[in-house]
Amino acid sequence: MIFKAVGDGRPYPDHGLVSPRDWSTVSPRVVRLDELVTVKRTLDLDTLLSEDSTFYGDIFAHVVAWEGDLYLEDGLHRALRAALQQRPVLHARVLVL
């Protein structure tokens, strides 16, 4: 299994970070893919296969740490790309709530 679990929606409270600029205040760190719970059940295959998919956004995935779990809020395509390249980790900005 690539992820700890596949979720459907955000179980944590709203944190108010919306734009890449908002998230830029959160320092990135390495997280293991098998510790992540996704908040999306679907993925746009075009986004996954696009070489410039991070060109207009943050280069780091966005993760929310809440009640002992790490929720992958943004960056599902980055995480899957890492898994396809057999990398067990991902660089992400981790917001602790």
PDB file of N, CA and C in Angstrom:
ATOM      1  N   MET A   1       0.849  -1.181   0.000  1.00  0.00           N
ATOM      2  CA  MET A   1       0.000   0.000   0.000  1.00  0.00           C
ATOM      3  C   MET A   1       0.894   1.244   0.000  1.00  0.00           C
ATOM      4  N   ILE A   2       0.553   2.199  -0.812  1.00  0.00           N
ATOM      5  CA  ILE A   2       1.353   3.420  -0.928  1.00  0.00           C
ATOM      6  C   ILE A   2       1.113   4.345   0.264  1.00  0.00           C
ATOM      7  N   PHE A   3      -0.157   4.541   0.617  1.00  0.00           N
ATOM      8  CA  PHE A   3      -0.521   5.461   1.691  1.00  0.00           C
ATOM      9  C   PHE A   3      -1.034   4.693   2.904  1.00  0.00           C
ATOM     10  N   LYS A   4      -1.053   5.372   4.033  1.00  0.00           N
ATOM     11  CA  LYS A   4      -1.608   4.776   5.248  1.00  0.00           C
ATOM     12  C   LYS A   4      -3.098   4.500   5.049  1.00  0.00           C
ATOM     13  N   ALA A   5      -3.787   5.447   4.408  1.00  0.00           N
ATOM     14  CA  ALA A   5      -5.221   5.299   4.135  1.00  0.00           C
ATOM     15  C   ALA A   5      -5.626   6.275   3.038  1.00  0.00           C
ATOM     16  N   VAL A   6      -6.747   5.978   2.412  1.00  0.00           N
ATOM     17  CA  VAL A   6      -7.326   6.875   1.412  1.00  0.00           C
ATOM     18  C   VAL A   6      -8.603   7.437   2.014  1.00  0.00           C
ATOM     19  N   GLY A   7      -8.584   8.732   2.262  1.00  0.00           N
ATOM     20  CA  GLY A   7      -9.741   9.381   2.859  1.00  0.00           C
ATOM     21  C   GLY A   7     -10.619  10.032   1.814  1.00  0.00           C
ATOM     22  N   ASP A   8     -11.668  10.650   2.286  1.00  0.00           N
ATOM     23  CA  ASP A   8     -12.592  11.350   1.400  1.00  0.00           C
ATOM     24  C   ASP A   8     -13.031  12.633   2.097  1.00  0.00           C
ATOM     25  N   GLY A   9     -12.233  13.665   1.955  1.00  0.00           N
ATOM     26  CA  GLY A   9     -12.538  14.932   2.594  1.00  0.00           C
ATOM     27  C   GLY A   9     -11.593  15.212   3.744  1.00  0.00           C
ATOM     28  N   ARG A  10     -11.690  16.427   4.251  1.00  0.00           N
ATOM     29  CA  ARG A  10     -10.811  16.895   5.318  1.00  0.00           C
ATOM     30  C   ARG A  10     -11.489  16.725   6.669  1.00  0.00           C
ATOM     31  N   PRO A  11     -10.998  15.831   7.517  1.00  0.00           N
ATOM     32  CA  PRO A  11     -11.629  15.629   8.822  1.00  0.00           C
ATOM     33  C   PRO A  11     -11.213  16.676   9.853  1.00  0.00           C
ATOM     34  N   TYR A  12     -10.203  17.454   9.559  1.00  0.00           N
ATOM     35  CA  TYR A  12      -9.668  18.440  10.491  1.00  0.00           C
ATOM     36  C   TYR A  12     -10.352  19.794  10.284  1.00  0.00           C
ATOM     37  N   PRO A  13     -10.260  20.677  11.293  1.00  0.00           N
ATOM     38  CA  PRO A  13     -10.894  21.996  11.163  1.00  0.00           C
ATOM     39  C   PRO A  13     -10.193  22.867  10.114  1.00  0.00           C
ATOM     40  N   ASP A  14     -10.908  23.857   9.613  1.00  0.00           N
ATOM     41  CA  ASP A  14     -10.349  24.779   8.623  1.00  0.00           C
ATOM     42  C   ASP A  14      -9.169  25.522   9.240  1.00  0.00           C
ATOM     43  N   HIS A  15      -8.069  25.578   8.509  1.00  0.00           N
ATOM     44  CA  HIS A  15      -6.861  26.215   9.029  1.00  0.00           C
ATOM     45  C   HIS A  15      -6.599  27.583   8.409  1.00  0.00           C
ATOM     46  N   GLY A  16      -7.335  27.950   7.384  1.00  0.00           N
ATOM     47  CA  GLY A  16      -7.223  29.282   6.799  1.00  0.00           C
ATOM     48  C   GLY A  16      -6.098  29.473   5.801  1.00  0.00           C
ATOM     49  N   LEU A  17      -5.277  28.454   5.568  1.00  0.00           N
ATOM     50  CA  LEU A  17      -4.216  28.569   4.564  1.00  0.00           C
ATOM     51  C   LEU A  17      -4.786  28.151   3.218  1.00  0.00           C
ATOM     52  N   VAL A  18      -4.779  29.077   2.270  1.00  0.00           N
ATOM     53  CA  VAL A  18      -5.419  28.818   0.981  1.00  0.00           C
ATOM     54  C   VAL A  18      -4.411  28.837  -0.165  1.00  0.00           C
ATOM     55  N   SER A  19      -3.634  29.885  -0.233  1.00  0.00           N
ATOM     56  CA  SER A  19      -2.729  30.083  -1.370  1.00  0.00           C
ATOM     57  C   SER A  19      -1.331  29.551  -1.063  1.00  0.00           C
ATOM     58  N   PRO A  20      -0.529  29.329  -2.115  1.00  0.00           N
ATOM     59  CA  PRO A  20       0.878  28.959  -1.885  1.00  0.00           C
ATOM     60  C   PRO A  20       1.607  29.986  -1.020  1.00  0.00           C
ATOM     61  N   ARG A  21       1.233  31.240  -1.126  1.00  0.00           N
ATOM     62  CA  ARG A  21       1.849  32.291  -0.295  1.00  0.00           C
ATOM     63  C   ARG A  21       1.533  32.046   1.182  1.00  0.00           C
ATOM     64  N   ASP A  22       0.296  31.655   1.488  1.00  0.00           N
ATOM     65  CA  ASP A  22      -0.070  31.340   2.872  1.00  0.00           C
ATOM     66  C   ASP A  22       0.777  30.183   3.404  1.00  0.00           C
ATOM     67  N   TRP A  23       0.920  29.152   2.592  1.00  0.00           N
ATOM     68  CA  TRP A  23       1.656  27.957   2.988  1.00  0.00           C
ATOM     69  C   TRP A  23       3.164  28.203   3.070  1.00  0.00           C
ATOM     70  N   SER A  24       3.662  29.248   2.429  1.00  0.00           N
ATOM     71  CA  SER A  24       5.107  29.483   2.385  1.00  0.00           C
ATOM     72  C   SER A  24       5.707  29.748   3.768  1.00  0.00           C
ATOM     73  N   THR A  25       4.884  30.069   4.748  1.00  0.00           N
ATOM     74  CA  THR A  25       5.386  30.300   6.101  1.00  0.00           C
ATOM     75  C   THR A  25       5.654  28.984   6.844  1.00  0.00           C
ATOM     76  N   VAL A  26       5.171  27.872   6.291  1.00  0.00           N
ATOM     77  CA  VAL A  26       5.355  26.558   6.912  1.00  0.00           C
ATOM     78  C   VAL A  26       6.607  25.918   6.312  1.00  0.00           C
ATOM     79  N   SER A  27       7.569  25.585   7.146  1.00  0.00           N
ATOM     80  CA  SER A  27       8.820  24.999   6.663  1.00  0.00           C
ATOM     81  C   SER A  27       8.601  23.581   6.140  1.00  0.00           C
ATOM     82  N   PRO A  28       9.242  23.242   5.020  1.00  0.00           N
ATOM     83  CA  PRO A  28       9.109  21.884   4.493  1.00  0.00           C
ATOM     84  C   PRO A  28       9.971  20.890   5.264  1.00  0.00           C
ATOM     85  N   ARG A  29       9.540  19.638   5.230  1.00  0.00           N
ATOM     86  CA  ARG A  29      10.309  18.545   5.806  1.00  0.00           C
ATOM     87  C   ARG A  29       9.976  17.274   5.028  1.00  0.00           C
ATOM     88  N   VAL A  30      10.703  16.225   5.297  1.00  0.00           N
ATOM     89  CA  VAL A  30      10.484  14.950   4.617  1.00  0.00           C
ATOM     90  C   VAL A  30       9.433  14.152   5.378  1.00  0.00           C
ATOM     91  N   VAL A  31       8.465  13.578   4.645  1.00  0.00           N
ATOM     92  CA  VAL A  31       7.464  12.696   5.242  1.00  0.00           C
ATOM     93  C   VAL A  31       7.437  11.388   4.450  1.00  0.00           C
ATOM     94  N   ARG A  32       7.137  10.322   5.139  1.00  0.00           N
ATOM     95  CA  ARG A  32       7.029   9.015   4.480  1.00  0.00           C
ATOM     96  C   ARG A  32       5.644   8.892   3.836  1.00  0.00           C
ATOM     97  N   LEU A  33       5.597   8.333   2.645  1.00  0.00           N
ATOM     98  CA  LEU A  33       4.322   8.150   1.949  1.00  0.00           C
ATOM     99  C   LEU A  33       3.393   7.237   2.734  1.00  0.00           C
ATOM    100  N   ASP A  34       3.954   6.212   3.377  1.00  0.00           N
ATOM    101  CA  ASP A  34       3.102   5.258   4.095  1.00  0.00           C
ATOM    102  C   ASP A  34       2.554   5.806   5.417  1.00  0.00           C
ATOM    103  N   GLU A  35       2.876   7.057   5.748  1.00  0.00           N
ATOM    104  CA  GLU A  35       2.310   7.706   6.925  1.00  0.00           C
ATOM    105  C   GLU A  35       1.192   8.674   6.561  1.00  0.00           C
ATOM    106  N   LEU A  36       0.945   8.868   5.263  1.00  0.00           N
ATOM    107  CA  LEU A  36      -0.022   9.860   4.791  1.00  0.00           C
ATOM    108  C   LEU A  36      -1.413   9.277   4.608  1.00  0.00           C
ATOM    109  N   VAL A  37      -2.406  10.083   4.949  1.00  0.00           N
ATOM    110  CA  VAL A  37      -3.809   9.781   4.651  1.00  0.00           C
ATOM    111  C   VAL A  37      -4.239  10.814   3.617  1.00  0.00           C
ATOM    112  N   THR A  38      -4.733  10.367   2.477  1.00  0.00           N
ATOM    113  CA  THR A  38      -5.152  11.318   1.443  1.00  0.00           C
ATOM    114  C   THR A  38      -6.504  11.914   1.814  1.00  0.00           C
ATOM    115  N   VAL A  39      -6.784  13.109   1.308  1.00  0.00           N
ATOM    116  CA  VAL A  39      -8.102  13.709   1.510  1.00  0.00           C
ATOM    117  C   VAL A  39      -8.889  13.730   0.199  1.00  0.00           C
ATOM    118  N   LYS A  40      -8.285  13.170  -0.848  1.00  0.00           N
ATOM    119  CA  LYS A  40      -8.951  13.060  -2.152  1.00  0.00           C
ATOM    120  C   LYS A  40      -8.947  11.603  -2.578  1.00  0.00           C
ATOM    121  N   ARG A  41     -10.060  11.156  -3.118  1.00  0.00           N
ATOM    122  CA  ARG A  41     -10.162   9.775  -3.585  1.00  0.00           C
ATOM    123  C   ARG A  41      -9.831   9.648  -5.066  1.00  0.00           C
ATOM    124  N   THR A  42      -9.822  10.772  -5.782  1.00  0.00           N
ATOM    125  CA  THR A  42      -9.603  10.716  -7.230  1.00  0.00           C
ATOM    126  C   THR A  42      -8.432  11.602  -7.623  1.00  0.00           C
ATOM    127  N   LEU A  43      -7.883  11.325  -8.789  1.00  0.00           N
ATOM    128  CA  LEU A  43      -6.746  12.070  -9.307  1.00  0.00           C
ATOM    129  C   LEU A  43      -6.951  12.278 -10.794  1.00  0.00           C
ATOM    130  N   ASP A  44      -6.621  13.464 -11.255  1.00  0.00           N
ATOM    131  CA  ASP A  44      -6.665  13.765 -12.681  1.00  0.00           C
ATOM    132  C   ASP A  44      -5.391  13.204 -13.308  1.00  0.00           C
ATOM    133  N   LEU A  45      -5.514  12.213 -14.167  1.00  0.00           N
ATOM    134  CA  LEU A  45      -4.357  11.556 -14.768  1.00  0.00           C
ATOM    135  C   LEU A  45      -3.511  12.525 -15.582  1.00  0.00           C
ATOM    136  N   ASP A  46      -4.132  13.514 -16.213  1.00  0.00           N
ATOM    137  CA  ASP A  46      -3.365  14.526 -16.949  1.00  0.00           C
ATOM    138  C   ASP A  46      -2.405  15.271 -16.023  1.00  0.00           C
ATOM    139  N   THR A  47      -2.850  15.562 -14.809  1.00  0.00           N
ATOM    140  CA  THR A  47      -2.006  16.257 -13.833  1.00  0.00           C
ATOM    141  C   THR A  47      -0.834  15.376 -13.417  1.00  0.00           C
ATOM    142  N   LEU A  48      -1.100  14.098 -13.206  1.00  0.00           N
ATOM    143  CA  LEU A  48      -0.046  13.172 -12.805  1.00  0.00           C
ATOM    144  C   LEU A  48       1.043  13.065 -13.865  1.00  0.00           C
ATOM    145  N   LEU A  49       0.644  13.021 -15.121  1.00  0.00           N
ATOM    146  CA  LEU A  49       1.591  12.795 -16.204  1.00  0.00           C
ATOM    147  C   LEU A  49       2.218  14.068 -16.744  1.00  0.00           C
ATOM    148  N   SER A  50       1.721  15.223 -16.331  1.00  0.00           N
ATOM    149  CA  SER A  50       2.243  16.491 -16.821  1.00  0.00           C
ATOM    150  C   SER A  50       3.625  16.771 -16.243  1.00  0.00           C
ATOM    151  N   GLU A  51       4.561  17.147 -17.093  1.00  0.00           N
ATOM    152  CA  GLU A  51       5.912  17.448 -16.626  1.00  0.00           C
ATOM    153  C   GLU A  51       5.977  18.775 -15.878  1.00  0.00           C
ATOM    154  N   ASP A  52       5.053  19.695 -16.156  1.00  0.00           N
ATOM    155  CA  ASP A  52       5.090  21.009 -15.500  1.00  0.00           C
ATOM    156  C   ASP A  52       3.955  21.184 -14.499  1.00  0.00           C
ATOM    157  N   SER A  53       3.526  20.093 -13.869  1.00  0.00           N
ATOM    158  CA  SER A  53       2.364  20.167 -12.981  1.00  0.00           C
ATOM    159  C   SER A  53       2.594  21.042 -11.762  1.00  0.00           C
ATOM    160  N   THR A  54       3.839  21.277 -11.362  1.00  0.00           N
ATOM    161  CA  THR A  54       4.098  22.133 -10.199  1.00  0.00           C
ATOM    162  C   THR A  54       4.545  23.533 -10.606  1.00  0.00           C
ATOM    163  N   PHE A  55       4.501  23.839 -11.888  1.00  0.00           N
ATOM    164  CA  PHE A  55       5.018  25.107 -12.381  1.00  0.00           C
ATOM    165  C   PHE A  55       4.296  26.305 -11.779  1.00  0.00           C
ATOM    166  N   TYR A  56       2.985  26.218 -11.612  1.00  0.00           N
ATOM    167  CA  TYR A  56       2.204  27.363 -11.141  1.00  0.00           C
ATOM    168  C   TYR A  56       1.894  27.312  -9.653  1.00  0.00           C
ATOM    169  N   GLY A  57       2.313  26.275  -8.959  1.00  0.00           N
ATOM    170  CA  GLY A  57       1.994  26.157  -7.543  1.00  0.00           C
ATOM    171  C   GLY A  57       3.235  25.980  -6.699  1.00  0.00           C
ATOM    172  N   ASP A  58       3.010  25.539  -5.490  1.00  0.00           N
ATOM    173  CA  ASP A  58       4.100  25.285  -4.554  1.00  0.00           C
ATOM    174  C   ASP A  58       4.846  24.024  -4.991  1.00  0.00           C
ATOM    175  N   ILE A  59       6.153  24.003  -4.848  1.00  0.00           N
ATOM    176  CA  ILE A  59       6.904  22.806  -5.229  1.00  0.00           C
ATOM    177  C   ILE A  59       6.810  21.725  -4.152  1.00  0.00           C
ATOM    178  N   PHE A  60       6.286  22.078  -2.983  1.00  0.00           N
ATOM    179  CA  PHE A  60       6.131  21.118  -1.893  1.00  0.00           C
ATOM    180  C   PHE A  60       4.663  20.741  -1.736  1.00  0.00           C
ATOM    181  N   ALA A  61       4.439  19.492  -1.359  1.00  0.00           N
ATOM    182  CA  ALA A  61       3.081  19.052  -1.039  1.00  0.00           C
ATOM    183  C   ALA A  61       2.651  19.734   0.266  1.00  0.00           C
ATOM    184  N   HIS A  62       1.345  19.779   0.508  1.00  0.00           N
ATOM    185  CA  HIS A  62       0.800  20.380   1.731  1.00  0.00           C
ATOM    186  C   HIS A  62       0.164  19.276   2.573  1.00  0.00           C
ATOM    187  N   VAL A  63       0.643  19.166   3.806  1.00  0.00           N
ATOM    188  CA  VAL A  63       0.191  18.126   4.721  1.00  0.00           C
ATOM    189  C   VAL A  63      -0.272  18.787   6.012  1.00  0.00           C
ATOM    190  N   VAL A  64      -1.357  18.262   6.572  1.00  0.00           N
ATOM    191  CA  VAL A  64      -1.871  18.751   7.853  1.00  0.00           C
ATOM    192  C   VAL A  64      -1.739  17.633   8.881  1.00  0.00           C
ATOM    193  N   ALA A  65      -1.036  17.922   9.970  1.00  0.00           N
ATOM    194  CA  ALA A  65      -0.912  16.978  11.083  1.00  0.00           C
ATOM    195  C   ALA A  65      -2.027  17.279  12.076  1.00  0.00           C
ATOM    196  N   TRP A  66      -2.883  16.283  12.286  1.00  0.00           N
ATOM    197  CA  TRP A  66      -4.034  16.488  13.174  1.00  0.00           C
ATOM    198  C   TRP A  66      -4.389  15.180  13.867  1.00  0.00           C
ATOM    199  N   GLU A  67      -4.490  15.215  15.169  1.00  0.00           N
ATOM    200  CA  GLU A  67      -4.866  14.066  16.000  1.00  0.00           C
ATOM    201  C   GLU A  67      -4.045  12.819  15.668  1.00  0.00           C
ATOM    202  N   GLY A  68      -2.738  13.006  15.496  1.00  0.00           N
ATOM    203  CA  GLY A  68      -1.838  11.875  15.301  1.00  0.00           C
ATOM    204  C   GLY A  68      -1.710  11.360  13.883  1.00  0.00           C
ATOM    205  N   ASP A  69      -2.420  11.955  12.940  1.00  0.00           N
ATOM    206  CA  ASP A  69      -2.334  11.527  11.543  1.00  0.00           C
ATOM    207  C   ASP A  69      -1.816  12.658  10.672  1.00  0.00           C
ATOM    208  N   LEU A  70      -1.238  12.291   9.539  1.00  0.00           N
ATOM    209  CA  LEU A  70      -0.761  13.252   8.542  1.00  0.00           C
ATOM    210  C   LEU A  70      -1.674  13.181   7.324  1.00  0.00           C
ATOM    211  N   TYR A  71      -2.376  14.269   7.041  1.00  0.00           N
ATOM    212  CA  TYR A  71      -3.334  14.315   5.939  1.00  0.00           C
ATOM    213  C   TYR A  71      -2.732  15.053   4.749  1.00  0.00           C
ATOM    214  N   LEU A  72      -2.673  14.395   3.614  1.00  0.00           N
ATOM    215  CA  LEU A  72      -2.150  14.982   2.389  1.00  0.00           C
ATOM    216  C   LEU A  72      -3.240  15.835   1.757  1.00  0.00           C
ATOM    217  N   GLU A  73      -3.167  17.134   1.991  1.00  0.00           N
ATOM    218  CA  GLU A  73      -4.199  18.056   1.516  1.00  0.00           C
ATOM    219  C   GLU A  73      -3.994  18.443   0.055  1.00  0.00           C
ATOM    220  N   ASP A  74      -2.750  18.682  -0.317  1.00  0.00           N
ATOM    221  CA  ASP A  74      -2.448  19.073  -1.697  1.00  0.00           C
ATOM    222  C   ASP A  74      -1.126  18.414  -2.092  1.00  0.00           C
ATOM    223  N   GLY A  75      -1.080  17.840  -3.283  1.00  0.00           N
ATOM    224  CA  GLY A  75       0.144  17.208  -3.749  1.00  0.00           C
ATOM    225  C   GLY A  75      -0.006  15.721  -4.000  1.00  0.00           C
ATOM    226  N   LEU A  76      -1.240  15.273  -4.192  1.00  0.00           N
ATOM    227  CA  LEU A  76      -1.467  13.849  -4.445  1.00  0.00           C
ATOM    228  C   LEU A  76      -0.694  13.391  -5.679  1.00  0.00           C
ATOM    229  N   HIS A  77      -0.677  14.220  -6.722  1.00  0.00           N
ATOM    230  CA  HIS A  77       0.061  13.832  -7.930  1.00  0.00           C
ATOM    231  C   HIS A  77       1.564  13.744  -7.658  1.00  0.00           C
ATOM    232  N   ARG A  78       2.095  14.620  -6.796  1.00  0.00           N
ATOM    233  CA  ARG A  78       3.518  14.551  -6.437  1.00  0.00           C
ATOM    234  C   ARG A  78       3.818  13.260  -5.674  1.00  0.00           C
ATOM    235  N   ALA A  79       2.928  12.912  -4.750  1.00  0.00           N
ATOM    236  CA  ALA A  79       3.111  11.708  -3.947  1.00  0.00           C
ATOM    237  C   ALA A  79       3.058  10.448  -4.818  1.00  0.00           C
ATOM    238  N   LEU A  80       2.121  10.400  -5.733  1.00  0.00           N
ATOM    239  CA  LEU A  80       2.027   9.235  -6.618  1.00  0.00           C
ATOM    240  C   LEU A  80       3.219   9.160  -7.566  1.00  0.00           C
ATOM    241  N   ARG A  81       3.673  10.302  -8.032  1.00  0.00           N
ATOM    242  CA  ARG A  81       4.857  10.315  -8.887  1.00  0.00           C
ATOM    243  C   ARG A  81       6.064   9.781  -8.114  1.00  0.00           C
ATOM    244  N   ALA A  82       6.205  10.170  -6.860  1.00  0.00           N
ATOM    245  CA  ALA A  82       7.301   9.662  -6.023  1.00  0.00           C
ATOM    246  C   ALA A  82       7.184   8.142  -5.856  1.00  0.00           C
ATOM    247  N   ALA A  83       5.971   7.659  -5.618  1.00  0.00           N
ATOM    248  CA  ALA A  83       5.765   6.220  -5.456  1.00  0.00           C
ATOM    249  C   ALA A  83       6.099   5.464  -6.745  1.00  0.00           C
ATOM    250  N   LEU A  84       5.705   6.011  -7.886  1.00  0.00           N
ATOM    251  CA  LEU A  84       6.015   5.363  -9.169  1.00  0.00           C
ATOM    252  C   LEU A  84       7.512   5.322  -9.431  1.00  0.00           C
ATOM    253  N   GLN A  85       8.242   6.277  -8.870  1.00  0.00           N
ATOM    254  CA  GLN A  85       9.697   6.309  -9.007  1.00  0.00           C
ATOM    255  C   GLN A  85      10.377   5.548  -7.869  1.00  0.00           C
ATOM    256  N   GLN A  86       9.587   4.820  -7.103  1.00  0.00           N
ATOM    257  CA  GLN A  86      10.046   3.986  -5.995  1.00  0.00           C
ATOM    258  C   GLN A  86      10.769   4.784  -4.910  1.00  0.00           C
ATOM    259  N   ARG A  87      10.298   6.005  -4.682  1.00  0.00           N
ATOM    260  CA  ARG A  87      10.804   6.816  -3.578  1.00  0.00           C
ATOM    261  C   ARG A  87       9.790   6.741  -2.440  1.00  0.00           C
ATOM    262  N   PRO A  88      10.209   6.337  -1.246  1.00  0.00           N
ATOM    263  CA  PRO A  88       9.263   6.180  -0.133  1.00  0.00           C
ATOM    264  C   PRO A  88       8.945   7.473   0.609  1.00  0.00           C
ATOM    265  N   VAL A  89       9.596   8.578   0.233  1.00  0.00           N
ATOM    266  CA  VAL A  89       9.395   9.838   0.958  1.00  0.00           C
ATOM    267  C   VAL A  89       9.027  10.971   0.001  1.00  0.00           C
ATOM    268  N   LEU A  90       8.541  12.038   0.592  1.00  0.00           N
ATOM    269  CA  LEU A  90       8.098  13.217  -0.151  1.00  0.00           C
ATOM    270  C   LEU A  90       8.449  14.450   0.690  1.00  0.00           C
ATOM    271  N   HIS A  91       8.870  15.514   0.040  1.00  0.00           N
ATOM    272  CA  HIS A  91       9.098  16.777   0.747  1.00  0.00           C
ATOM    273  C   HIS A  91       7.759  17.524   0.810  1.00  0.00           C
ATOM    274  N   ALA A  92       7.387  17.916   2.003  1.00  0.00           N
ATOM    275  CA  ALA A  92       6.086  18.561   2.185  1.00  0.00           C
ATOM    276  C   ALA A  92       6.160  19.634   3.272  1.00  0.00           C
ATOM    277  N   ARG A  93       5.289  20.596   3.151  1.00  0.00           N
ATOM    278  CA  ARG A  93       5.087  21.578   4.218  1.00  0.00           C
ATOM    279  C   ARG A  93       4.046  20.946   5.152  1.00  0.00           C
ATOM    280  N   VAL A  94       4.403  20.784   6.416  1.00  0.00           N
ATOM    281  CA  VAL A  94       3.522  20.113   7.376  1.00  0.00           C
ATOM    282  C   VAL A  94       3.011  21.122   8.393  1.00  0.00           C
ATOM    283  N   LEU A  95       1.717  21.394   8.331  1.00  0.00           N
ATOM    284  CA  LEU A  95       1.057  22.295   9.265  1.00  0.00           C
ATOM    285  C   LEU A  95       0.522  21.481  10.434  1.00  0.00           C
ATOM    286  N   VAL A  96       0.945  21.811  11.636  1.00  0.00           N
ATOM    287  CA  VAL A  96       0.493  21.095  12.827  1.00  0.00           C
ATOM    288  C   VAL A  96      -0.675  21.848  13.440  1.00  0.00           C
ATOM    289  N   LEU A  97      -1.815  21.185  13.526  1.00  0.00           N
ATOM    290  CA  LEU A  97      -3.008  21.787  14.149  1.00  0.00           C
ATOM    291  C   LEU A  97      -3.188  21.229  15.546  1.00  0.00           C
TER     292      LEU A  97
END
